[in-house]
Amino acid sequence: MPDPLVNDDQGLVMNIKDKGLLILTGCGHARIINAIKYAKEVTGVRKIYSVLGGFHLSGQRYEESIPLTIAQLKRDARYIVPCHCTGWKAAYEIVNTMPEKFIQPTVASIFYF
């Protein structure tokens, strides 16, 4: 769902050869699903290889978005790497519903794509 209070957000989108888009977010204030939709729109690429970063789903105000976010991530991403502001409730739901897609990030994690 669009958030009228977020006028700008930072992220990085890379098209990984033969795999699809890798979407890297910071704190993800615009929410990860909006970032995915925008990345598809800008690049014209429909396949999402991985989303990595903060999904901004922690805190009572944002937790109502968890079920819709999980449903969309199930359809879209091959790998999901939720970081800091994703929150433990959303991370738990990702692990529970899609353990094969979940990658646990830690301090100093290195990812090769």
Protein backbone atom coordinates (compact mmCIF):
# COMPACT_ATOMS: atom_id res chain seq x y z
CA MET A 1 0.00 0.00 0.00
CA PRO A 2 1.36 3.43 -0.86
CA ASP A 3 2.47 5.58 2.05
CA PRO A 4 1.91 9.31 1.36
CA LEU A 5 4.37 10.25 4.11
CA VAL A 6 7.28 8.63 2.26
CA ASN A 7 8.42 10.89 -0.55
CA ASP A 8 11.73 9.19 -1.14
CA ASP A 9 13.47 5.95 -0.28
CA GLN A 10 16.87 4.56 -1.14
CA GLY A 11 17.62 1.20 -2.61
CA LEU A 12 19.63 -0.52 -5.28
CA VAL A 13 18.31 -2.76 -8.04
CA MET A 14 20.58 -5.07 -9.98
CA ASN A 15 19.67 -7.38 -12.83
CA ILE A 16 21.59 -10.60 -12.21
CA LYS A 17 22.24 -12.37 -15.51
CA ASP A 18 19.91 -15.34 -16.05
CA LYS A 19 18.47 -14.97 -12.51
CA GLY A 20 16.41 -11.79 -12.24
CA LEU A 21 16.43 -8.71 -10.07
CA LEU A 22 18.25 -8.33 -6.79
CA ILE A 23 16.63 -5.59 -4.74
CA LEU A 24 18.69 -4.13 -1.91
CA THR A 25 16.96 -1.76 0.50
CA GLY A 26 18.13 0.36 3.38
CA CYS A 27 15.44 0.78 6.01
CA GLY A 28 12.74 0.26 3.40
CA HIS A 29 10.37 2.98 4.58
CA ALA A 30 8.38 2.65 1.36
CA ARG A 31 7.96 -1.07 2.17
CA ILE A 32 9.48 -3.97 0.30
CA ILE A 33 6.45 -4.73 -1.89
CA ASN A 34 6.39 -1.15 -3.17
CA ALA A 35 10.13 -1.43 -3.87
CA ILE A 36 9.55 -4.66 -5.81
CA LYS A 37 6.74 -3.13 -7.86
CA TYR A 38 8.81 -0.05 -8.62
CA ALA A 39 11.87 -2.11 -9.59
CA LYS A 40 9.74 -4.13 -12.03
CA GLU A 41 8.25 -0.95 -13.46
CA VAL A 42 11.59 0.80 -13.94
CA THR A 43 13.51 -2.17 -15.34
CA GLY A 44 10.78 -4.03 -17.20
CA VAL A 45 12.09 -7.24 -15.59
CA ARG A 46 9.41 -9.34 -13.89
CA LYS A 47 11.57 -12.02 -12.24
CA ILE A 48 12.81 -11.29 -8.70
CA TYR A 49 15.88 -13.24 -7.65
CA SER A 50 16.32 -11.83 -4.16
CA VAL A 51 15.26 -9.07 -1.81
CA LEU A 52 17.77 -8.07 0.82
CA GLY A 53 17.52 -5.35 3.45
CA GLY A 54 15.11 -3.76 5.84
CA PHE A 55 11.43 -4.35 5.08
CA HIS A 56 10.16 -1.86 7.70
CA LEU A 57 7.61 -4.18 9.30
CA SER A 58 8.44 -3.75 12.98
CA GLY A 59 6.20 -1.91 15.36
CA GLN A 60 2.47 -2.14 15.92
CA ARG A 61 1.61 0.31 13.14
CA TYR A 62 3.41 -1.74 10.50
CA GLU A 63 2.75 -5.29 11.67
CA GLU A 64 -0.70 -5.36 10.05
CA SER A 65 1.12 -5.40 6.70
CA ILE A 66 2.98 -8.63 7.49
CA PRO A 67 0.43 -11.11 6.03
CA LEU A 68 0.11 -9.22 2.73
CA THR A 69 3.86 -8.80 2.50
CA ILE A 70 4.46 -12.51 3.11
CA ALA A 71 1.89 -13.45 0.46
CA GLN A 72 3.57 -11.22 -2.13
CA LEU A 73 7.09 -12.36 -1.24
CA LYS A 74 5.95 -15.98 -1.63
CA ARG A 75 4.97 -15.25 -5.23
CA ASP A 76 7.86 -12.99 -6.15
CA ALA A 77 11.23 -13.68 -4.59
CA ARG A 78 13.46 -16.74 -4.79
CA TYR A 79 15.58 -15.66 -1.81
CA ILE A 80 14.59 -13.37 1.05
CA VAL A 81 17.13 -11.77 3.37
CA PRO A 82 15.30 -9.66 5.95
CA CYS A 83 17.49 -7.27 7.92
CA HIS A 84 17.21 -4.89 10.88
CA CYS A 85 13.87 -3.05 10.65
CA THR A 86 12.02 -6.04 9.23
CA GLY A 87 11.34 -6.97 12.83
CA TRP A 88 11.34 -10.35 14.51
CA LYS A 89 7.62 -11.02 13.91
CA ALA A 90 7.93 -10.59 10.15
CA ALA A 91 11.23 -12.52 10.05
CA TYR A 92 9.58 -15.33 12.02
CA GLU A 93 6.71 -15.48 9.51
CA ILE A 94 9.15 -15.58 6.61
CA VAL A 95 11.06 -18.47 8.22
CA ASN A 96 7.82 -20.28 9.07
CA THR A 97 6.13 -19.95 5.70
CA MET A 98 9.14 -20.03 3.35
CA PRO A 99 12.14 -21.64 5.04
CA GLU A 100 13.58 -22.58 1.64
CA LYS A 101 13.71 -18.90 0.62
CA PHE A 102 14.98 -17.45 3.89
CA ILE A 103 18.64 -16.51 4.34
CA GLN A 104 19.71 -15.38 7.82
CA PRO A 105 21.90 -12.27 7.66
CA THR A 106 24.45 -11.52 10.35
CA VAL A 107 26.97 -8.80 10.99
CA ALA A 108 29.68 -9.05 8.32
CA SER A 109 27.62 -11.37 6.07
CA ILE A 110 28.95 -11.52 2.53
CA PHE A 111 26.61 -12.43 -0.33
CA TYR A 112 27.71 -13.46 -3.81
CA PHE A 113 25.20 -13.22 -6.64
